[in-house]
């Protein structure tokens, strides 16, 4: 589900990318300010008693977001190093107990021993506020910290074949306990083959084996919530270069998740996806995407969720300095499986997210952006529907 400021990092990233490419200095300094309004911060249904739930007569909010960034990029022979540090301060006008400062970073070392032996070592840290679409503690802040570290390597065999392998560690921690989004850590290893066509297209197969641990869970417990799991993925992917700046992609992945103590929580199935990035002309492009995703959702009457998502996103480059972007996404989510015989969820969500944004590179060092977005959810159970309208206006200076 979308958080109130899901789209902010994307907006800042779009602004940053243009500036970073324009500058050749290894060190980049940036400062940005976003003024944001949200008509329904807590994602409440229209008939909710807002005063009783939040202590205010309205769930509308205005948020000021200040970002200070430091970037470092350098290439030495076969090695490339990049580092981005961001200090992001969120200030809520009415619900000021939600205000917080995030310390985020991402770093990557694209290494090479020889031109045939290459890989990447990367790490990322991101602090966000849990979405009120899922978290209903309206009078308290619940921050989430996500960290990921990954190492991958590729070895070029004779001709177009590549051996690929990697390992990663992912950790998620919440400020306040959640059931369906519990704290966890996962360690994963993977290996496979990739075939690189002369046209630039690729096809790859990978097998991933992961073992996860849910933190702060005690077993046994009355809700059959396991504190461990293992997951095996068999992943097949195709990226097809159609020429003229147009690419297509497709993937299918069989997943099998098992639990050592509560086997009734096990599930398996297929994830899939397909996309097309179509360059209609030098100034116009459109992105189409479809995905089907199974995700763990351990509740009293479900084990996992199944989400089908479709999106369309045209982009118009009106001038060398002005770009216009429209995106619409529709998703249907069902809650499946059950730890108890005869007790299963029939909940189904329909979400719709639409955004219209304009980006203006006003100066080599100044970028401006405005975005109008709507989000809605319809659920076949009472009290879970919501509608929200958001406005973002961002200015960023880069030096």
Protein backbone atom coordinates (compact mmCIF):
# COMPACT_ATOMS: atom_id res chain seq x y z
CA UNK A 1 0.00 0.00 0.00
CA UNK A 2 1.12 3.53 -0.72
CA UNK A 3 2.34 5.64 2.20
CA UNK A 4 1.50 9.36 2.30
CA UNK A 5 4.87 10.26 0.79
CA UNK A 6 5.58 7.16 -1.33
CA UNK A 7 6.17 9.26 -4.42
CA UNK A 8 8.54 11.79 -2.83
CA UNK A 9 11.76 9.74 -3.21
CA UNK A 10 10.86 9.12 -6.87
CA UNK A 11 10.37 12.82 -7.48
CA UNK A 12 13.67 13.69 -5.82
CA UNK A 13 15.44 10.92 -7.71
CA UNK A 14 14.19 12.24 -11.05
CA UNK A 15 15.40 15.71 -10.19
CA UNK A 16 18.74 14.43 -8.91
CA UNK A 17 19.42 12.24 -11.90
CA UNK A 18 19.37 15.08 -14.38
CA UNK A 19 21.68 17.21 -12.24
CA UNK A 20 24.09 14.37 -11.49
CA UNK A 21 24.51 13.62 -15.18
CA UNK A 22 25.11 17.26 -15.94
CA UNK A 23 27.94 17.53 -13.45
CA UNK A 24 31.32 15.90 -13.81
CA UNK A 25 32.66 16.68 -10.35
CA UNK A 26 33.07 13.59 -8.14
CA UNK A 27 31.35 15.38 -5.23
CA UNK A 28 27.78 16.65 -5.50
CA UNK A 29 25.96 18.71 -2.85
CA UNK A 30 22.19 19.12 -2.96
CA UNK A 31 19.40 20.76 -0.98
CA UNK A 32 15.68 20.30 -1.61
CA UNK A 33 12.41 21.39 -0.08
CA UNK A 34 9.03 19.77 -0.71
CA UNK A 35 5.71 21.28 0.30
CA UNK A 36 3.10 18.54 0.46
CA UNK A 37 -0.60 18.38 1.23
CA UNK A 38 -2.61 15.21 1.88
CA UNK A 39 -6.41 15.28 2.14
CA UNK A 40 -6.58 12.01 4.11
CA UNK A 41 -3.29 11.35 5.88
CA UNK A 42 -4.58 8.43 7.95
CA UNK A 43 -6.37 6.70 5.05
CA UNK A 44 -9.71 6.76 6.86
CA UNK A 45 -13.08 5.82 5.31
CA UNK A 46 -15.48 8.66 4.58
CA UNK A 47 -17.79 7.74 7.48
CA UNK A 48 -15.01 7.59 10.10
CA UNK A 49 -15.23 9.62 13.32
CA UNK A 50 -12.04 11.58 12.66
CA UNK A 51 -12.24 13.56 15.91
CA UNK A 52 -12.44 10.41 18.05
CA UNK A 53 -9.68 8.62 16.17
CA UNK A 54 -7.14 11.43 15.72
CA UNK A 55 -8.11 14.24 18.08
CA UNK A 56 -8.60 16.61 15.14
CA UNK A 57 -11.67 17.51 13.12
CA UNK A 58 -9.97 16.69 9.82
CA UNK A 59 -7.43 14.12 8.63
CA UNK A 60 -5.97 16.59 6.12
CA UNK A 61 -2.34 17.54 6.69
CA UNK A 62 0.44 19.73 5.34
CA UNK A 63 4.00 18.41 5.46
CA UNK A 64 7.28 20.20 4.87
CA UNK A 65 10.18 18.00 3.81
CA UNK A 66 13.76 19.31 3.82
CA UNK A 67 16.49 17.19 2.23
CA UNK A 68 20.24 17.70 2.37
CA UNK A 69 22.31 15.39 0.19
CA UNK A 70 25.94 14.54 -0.44
CA UNK A 71 26.94 12.45 -3.45
CA UNK A 72 30.30 11.01 -4.43
CA UNK A 73 31.06 9.25 -7.71
CA UNK A 74 34.42 8.20 -9.10
CA UNK A 75 35.77 5.77 -11.68
CA UNK A 76 39.29 4.43 -11.38
CA UNK A 77 40.36 2.01 -14.11
CA UNK A 78 37.90 -0.91 -13.89
CA UNK A 79 36.45 0.22 -10.54
CA UNK A 80 33.48 2.55 -10.04
CA UNK A 81 32.42 3.83 -6.62
CA UNK A 82 29.27 5.79 -5.78
CA UNK A 83 27.94 7.03 -2.44
CA UNK A 84 24.81 9.04 -1.64
CA UNK A 85 24.00 10.37 1.84
CA UNK A 86 20.65 12.05 2.56
CA UNK A 87 19.37 13.76 5.67
CA UNK A 88 15.57 14.14 5.33
CA UNK A 89 13.53 16.12 7.86
CA UNK A 90 9.73 15.62 7.86
CA UNK A 91 7.71 18.32 9.65
CA UNK A 92 3.96 17.76 10.09
CA UNK A 93 1.89 20.88 10.69
CA UNK A 94 -1.07 19.51 12.73
CA UNK A 95 0.04 16.02 13.73
CA UNK A 96 3.51 17.11 14.81
CA UNK A 97 4.14 13.90 16.79
CA UNK A 98 4.71 12.29 13.38
CA UNK A 99 7.66 14.58 12.61
CA UNK A 100 11.02 12.84 12.33
CA UNK A 101 14.41 13.01 10.64
CA UNK A 102 15.63 10.16 8.45
CA UNK A 103 19.28 9.32 7.85
CA UNK A 104 19.43 7.45 4.55
CA UNK A 105 22.29 6.25 2.40
CA UNK A 106 23.14 4.02 -0.52
CA UNK A 107 26.59 3.02 -1.70
CA UNK A 108 27.81 0.79 -4.52
CA UNK A 109 31.20 -0.48 -5.64
CA UNK A 110 31.12 -1.81 -9.19
CA UNK A 111 34.24 -3.93 -9.12
CA UNK A 112 36.19 -5.82 -11.75
CA UNK A 113 39.17 -8.14 -11.44
CA UNK A 114 39.40 -8.49 -15.21
CA UNK A 115 36.93 -7.44 -17.93
CA UNK A 116 35.49 -10.97 -17.66
CA UNK A 117 35.11 -11.07 -13.88
CA UNK A 118 32.86 -8.28 -12.60
CA UNK A 119 30.30 -7.57 -9.91
CA UNK A 120 28.79 -5.14 -7.45
CA UNK A 121 28.94 -4.69 -3.69
CA UNK A 122 26.13 -2.44 -2.48
CA UNK A 123 24.42 -1.37 0.72
CA UNK A 124 21.36 0.75 1.46
CA UNK A 125 19.64 2.22 4.52
CA UNK A 126 16.18 3.80 4.37
CA UNK A 127 13.94 5.22 7.12
CA UNK A 128 10.25 5.83 6.38
CA UNK A 129 6.95 6.19 8.18
CA UNK A 130 4.72 3.10 8.05
CA UNK A 131 1.69 3.63 5.84
CA UNK A 132 -1.59 4.30 7.60
CA UNK A 133 -3.23 2.12 4.96
CA UNK A 134 -1.92 -0.79 7.07
CA UNK A 135 -1.05 0.72 10.48
CA UNK A 136 -3.95 2.11 12.55
CA UNK A 137 -2.07 3.67 15.48
CA UNK A 138 -3.30 7.12 14.52
CA UNK A 139 -1.93 8.90 17.58
CA UNK A 140 1.60 7.54 17.52
CA UNK A 141 4.53 7.48 15.12
CA UNK A 142 5.70 4.15 13.74
CA UNK A 143 8.93 4.47 11.79
CA UNK A 144 10.36 1.64 9.72
CA UNK A 145 14.03 1.00 9.03
CA UNK A 146 15.03 -1.10 6.02
CA UNK A 147 18.64 -2.10 5.37
CA UNK A 148 20.02 -4.24 2.56
CA UNK A 149 23.55 -5.36 1.72
CA UNK A 150 24.27 -7.34 -1.44
CA UNK A 151 27.27 -8.82 -3.21
CA UNK A 152 26.99 -10.22 -6.73
CA UNK A 153 29.48 -11.45 -9.30
CA UNK A 154 29.46 -12.44 -12.97
CA UNK A 155 31.99 -14.47 -14.92
CA UNK A 156 32.00 -14.27 -18.71
CA UNK A 157 32.40 -17.69 -20.26
CA UNK A 158 33.33 -18.16 -23.90
CA UNK A 159 30.88 -16.32 -26.12
CA UNK A 160 27.64 -14.90 -24.73
CA UNK A 161 27.27 -17.06 -21.59
CA UNK A 162 27.71 -15.63 -18.08
CA UNK A 163 27.85 -17.36 -14.72
CA UNK A 164 26.09 -15.23 -12.10
CA UNK A 165 25.97 -15.56 -8.32
CA UNK A 166 25.26 -13.43 -5.29
CA UNK A 167 24.40 -13.16 -1.64
CA UNK A 168 22.37 -10.60 0.32
CA UNK A 169 21.16 -9.69 3.78
CA UNK A 170 17.93 -7.76 4.36
CA UNK A 171 16.58 -6.46 7.67
CA UNK A 172 13.35 -4.65 8.54
CA UNK A 173 12.61 -3.11 11.94
CA UNK A 174 9.55 -1.17 13.08
CA UNK A 175 9.42 1.33 15.90
CA UNK A 176 6.16 -0.27 17.11
CA UNK A 177 5.24 -3.94 16.81
CA UNK A 178 3.16 -5.10 13.86
CA UNK A 179 1.75 -8.53 13.15
CA UNK A 180 1.52 -8.76 9.37
CA UNK A 181 4.58 -6.54 8.88
CA UNK A 182 6.73 -7.98 11.66
CA UNK A 183 10.43 -7.24 12.08
CA UNK A 184 12.59 -9.75 10.24
CA UNK A 185 16.01 -10.47 8.79
CA UNK A 186 16.70 -12.61 5.70
CA UNK A 187 19.92 -14.10 4.32
CA UNK A 188 19.85 -15.20 0.69
CA UNK A 189 22.25 -16.85 -1.75
CA UNK A 190 21.65 -17.26 -5.48
CA UNK A 191 23.34 -18.67 -8.58
CA UNK A 192 22.48 -19.04 -12.23
CA UNK A 193 23.25 -18.43 -15.91
CA UNK A 194 22.74 -15.45 -18.20
CA UNK A 195 22.86 -15.40 -22.01
CA UNK A 196 23.72 -12.04 -23.56
CA UNK A 197 22.68 -11.55 -27.18
CA UNK A 198 24.69 -9.34 -29.51
CA UNK A 199 21.65 -7.02 -29.77
CA UNK A 200 21.84 -6.27 -26.04
CA UNK A 201 18.96 -8.58 -25.08
CA UNK A 202 19.47 -11.03 -22.22
CA UNK A 203 17.83 -14.13 -20.80
CA UNK A 204 18.73 -15.49 -17.36
CA UNK A 205 17.86 -18.20 -14.87
CA UNK A 206 18.61 -18.00 -11.15
CA UNK A 207 17.91 -20.18 -8.16
CA UNK A 208 17.63 -18.36 -4.82
CA UNK A 209 17.65 -19.92 -1.39
CA UNK A 210 16.77 -17.74 1.58
CA UNK A 211 16.39 -18.23 5.30
CA UNK A 212 14.56 -15.68 7.40
CA UNK A 213 14.00 -15.01 11.07
CA UNK A 214 11.13 -13.00 12.53
CA UNK A 215 12.45 -10.88 15.36
CA UNK A 216 10.66 -10.44 18.69
CA UNK A 217 8.45 -13.50 18.21
CA UNK A 218 8.12 -16.16 20.86
CA UNK A 219 7.08 -19.71 19.91
CA UNK A 220 4.93 -21.55 20.59
CA UNK A 221 2.07 -19.06 20.46
CA UNK A 222 -1.71 -19.20 20.11
CA UNK A 223 -1.74 -17.52 16.66
CA UNK A 224 0.57 -20.05 14.95
CA UNK A 225 3.07 -17.33 14.02
CA UNK A 226 6.42 -18.94 13.22
CA UNK A 227 9.70 -17.24 14.05
CA UNK A 228 11.53 -18.70 11.03
CA UNK A 229 11.00 -19.54 7.37
CA UNK A 230 12.88 -20.76 4.33
CA UNK A 231 12.13 -19.85 0.74
CA UNK A 232 13.33 -21.31 -2.56
CA UNK A 233 12.84 -19.28 -5.76
CA UNK A 234 13.41 -20.46 -9.33
CA UNK A 235 13.51 -17.34 -11.49
CA UNK A 236 13.51 -16.98 -15.29
CA UNK A 237 13.87 -13.51 -16.86
CA UNK A 238 14.00 -12.04 -20.36
CA UNK A 239 15.00 -8.55 -21.40
CA UNK A 240 14.45 -7.90 -25.11
CA UNK A 241 15.98 -4.90 -26.87
CA UNK A 242 13.59 -4.04 -29.70
CA UNK A 243 15.72 -1.17 -31.01
CA UNK A 244 15.02 2.53 -31.23
CA UNK A 245 15.03 2.90 -27.46
CA UNK A 246 12.21 0.36 -26.97
CA UNK A 247 12.64 -2.61 -24.62
CA UNK A 248 10.41 -5.39 -23.32
CA UNK A 249 10.84 -7.60 -20.29
CA UNK A 250 9.16 -10.66 -18.82
CA UNK A 251 9.72 -12.88 -15.80
CA UNK A 252 8.24 -15.92 -14.14
CA UNK A 253 9.29 -17.15 -10.69
CA UNK A 254 8.17 -20.18 -8.74
CA UNK A 255 8.36 -19.57 -4.99
CA UNK A 256 8.07 -22.10 -2.16
CA UNK A 257 7.99 -20.82 1.41
CA UNK A 258 8.04 -23.24 4.35
CA UNK A 259 7.93 -22.84 8.13
CA UNK A 260 9.64 -25.31 10.48
CA UNK A 261 7.22 -25.07 13.42
CA UNK A 262 3.87 -24.16 11.87
CA UNK A 263 3.64 -25.96 8.53
CA UNK A 264 0.06 -24.74 8.08
CA UNK A 265 1.61 -21.36 7.20
CA UNK A 266 3.43 -22.77 4.13
CA UNK A 267 2.53 -21.56 0.65
CA UNK A 268 3.85 -21.80 -2.90
CA UNK A 269 2.99 -20.52 -6.35
CA UNK A 270 4.14 -18.41 -9.25
CA UNK A 271 5.08 -14.74 -9.47
CA UNK A 272 5.11 -13.25 -12.95
CA UNK A 273 5.50 -9.97 -14.74
CA UNK A 274 5.82 -8.31 -18.12
CA UNK A 275 6.61 -4.79 -19.23
CA UNK A 276 7.16 -2.63 -22.28
CA UNK A 277 9.08 0.65 -22.43
CA UNK A 278 8.03 1.99 -25.83
CA UNK A 279 9.78 4.99 -27.39
CA UNK A 280 7.02 6.41 -29.60
CA UNK A 281 9.23 9.27 -30.76
CA UNK A 282 12.26 11.24 -29.64
CA UNK A 283 10.09 13.18 -27.20
CA UNK A 284 7.34 10.72 -26.26
CA UNK A 285 7.44 7.33 -24.58
CA UNK A 286 5.07 5.06 -22.72
CA UNK A 287 5.59 2.35 -20.11
CA UNK A 288 3.21 -0.56 -19.71
CA UNK A 289 3.56 -3.15 -16.94
CA UNK A 290 1.78 -6.13 -15.46
CA UNK A 291 2.74 -8.15 -12.38
CA UNK A 292 1.37 -10.91 -10.21
CA UNK A 293 2.96 -11.17 -6.79
CA UNK A 294 2.60 -13.49 -3.81
CA UNK A 295 3.70 -12.03 -0.46
CA UNK A 296 3.63 -13.27 3.13
CA UNK A 297 0.63 -11.96 5.08
CA UNK A 298 0.34 -14.00 8.27
CA UNK A 299 -2.93 -13.02 9.96
CA UNK A 300 -5.49 -15.03 11.92
CA UNK A 301 -7.28 -16.07 8.71
CA UNK A 302 -4.64 -15.76 5.96
CA UNK A 303 -1.07 -16.84 5.20
CA UNK A 304 -0.25 -14.75 2.16
CA UNK A 305 -1.61 -12.21 -0.29
CA UNK A 306 -1.91 -12.40 -4.06
CA UNK A 307 -1.71 -9.09 -5.93
CA UNK A 308 -2.30 -8.46 -9.62
CA UNK A 309 -1.16 -5.04 -10.79
CA UNK A 310 -1.43 -3.16 -14.11
CA UNK A 311 0.13 0.24 -14.81
CA UNK A 312 0.46 2.65 -17.71
CA UNK A 313 2.75 5.68 -17.78
CA UNK A 314 3.21 8.03 -20.75
CA UNK A 315 6.03 10.59 -20.69
CA UNK A 316 6.28 13.71 -22.83
CA UNK A 317 9.49 15.72 -23.11
CA UNK A 318 7.90 19.06 -23.98
CA UNK A 319 11.26 20.79 -24.34
CA UNK A 320 14.88 20.07 -23.39
CA UNK A 321 14.10 21.43 -19.91
CA UNK A 322 10.45 20.50 -19.33
CA UNK A 323 9.00 17.03 -18.97
CA UNK A 324 5.45 15.85 -18.29
CA UNK A 325 4.63 12.44 -16.81
CA UNK A 326 1.32 10.66 -16.24
CA UNK A 327 0.94 7.33 -14.44
CA UNK A 328 -2.07 5.22 -13.54
CA UNK A 329 -1.91 1.99 -11.57
CA UNK A 330 -4.70 -0.47 -10.78
CA UNK A 331 -4.25 -3.40 -8.41
CA UNK A 332 -6.37 -6.20 -6.97
CA UNK A 333 -5.22 -7.92 -3.79
CA UNK A 334 -6.65 -11.09 -2.27
CA UNK A 335 -5.77 -12.68 1.07
CA UNK A 336 -5.31 -16.44 0.82
CA UNK A 337 -4.43 -19.53 2.82
CA UNK A 338 -5.39 -20.15 6.43
CA UNK A 339 -3.63 -21.54 9.49
CA UNK A 340 -6.95 -22.93 10.74
CA UNK A 341 -9.26 -25.34 8.93
CA UNK A 342 -12.53 -23.68 8.02
CA UNK A 343 -11.35 -20.16 8.83
CA UNK A 344 -10.19 -18.28 5.73
CA UNK A 345 -10.29 -14.67 4.63
CA UNK A 346 -12.53 -13.48 1.82
CA UNK A 347 -11.10 -9.95 1.87
CA UNK A 348 -10.32 -8.36 -1.48
CA UNK A 349 -8.85 -4.90 -2.09
CA UNK A 350 -9.01 -2.80 -5.25
CA UNK A 351 -6.55 0.13 -5.28
CA UNK A 352 -6.18 2.89 -7.84
CA UNK A 353 -3.28 5.36 -7.91
CA UNK A 354 -2.95 8.17 -10.45
CA UNK A 355 -0.30 10.88 -10.69
CA UNK A 356 0.42 13.78 -13.02
CA UNK A 357 3.77 15.50 -12.63
CA UNK A 358 5.80 18.15 -14.41
CA UNK A 359 9.58 18.62 -14.06
CA UNK A 360 11.35 21.82 -15.06
CA UNK A 361 15.13 22.14 -15.20
CA UNK A 362 14.99 25.89 -14.61
CA UNK A 363 18.78 26.21 -14.39
CA UNK A 364 21.78 23.90 -14.50
CA UNK A 365 21.68 23.85 -10.70
CA UNK A 366 17.96 24.38 -10.05
CA UNK A 367 15.19 21.85 -10.71
CA UNK A 368 11.49 22.35 -9.95
CA UNK A 369 8.76 19.74 -9.82
CA UNK A 370 5.02 19.66 -9.17
CA UNK A 371 2.85 16.56 -8.84
CA UNK A 372 -0.86 15.96 -8.27
CA UNK A 373 -1.78 12.45 -7.10
CA UNK A 374 -4.89 10.56 -6.10
CA UNK A 375 -5.09 7.25 -4.23
CA UNK A 376 -8.12 5.12 -3.41
CA UNK A 377 -8.88 1.69 -2.00
CA UNK A 378 -12.13 -0.23 -2.16
CA UNK A 379 -12.51 -3.27 0.12
CA UNK A 380 -15.33 -5.81 0.41
CA UNK A 381 -15.20 -5.35 4.19
CA UNK A 382 -16.50 -2.32 6.08
CA UNK A 383 -14.18 0.35 7.43
CA UNK A 384 -11.19 -0.19 5.12
CA UNK A 385 -12.04 2.01 2.12
CA UNK A 386 -10.31 5.35 1.62
CA UNK A 387 -9.75 8.16 -0.86
CA UNK A 388 -6.94 10.69 -0.78
CA UNK A 389 -5.59 13.56 -2.88
CA UNK A 390 -1.99 14.72 -2.57
CA UNK A 391 -0.07 17.69 -3.96
CA UNK A 392 3.73 17.92 -4.05
CA UNK A 393 5.80 20.98 -4.99
CA UNK A 394 9.57 20.49 -4.88
CA UNK A 395 12.59 22.71 -5.50
CA UNK A 396 16.13 21.31 -5.55
CA UNK A 397 19.51 22.99 -5.77
CA UNK A 398 22.52 20.93 -6.80
CA UNK A 399 26.14 22.01 -6.75
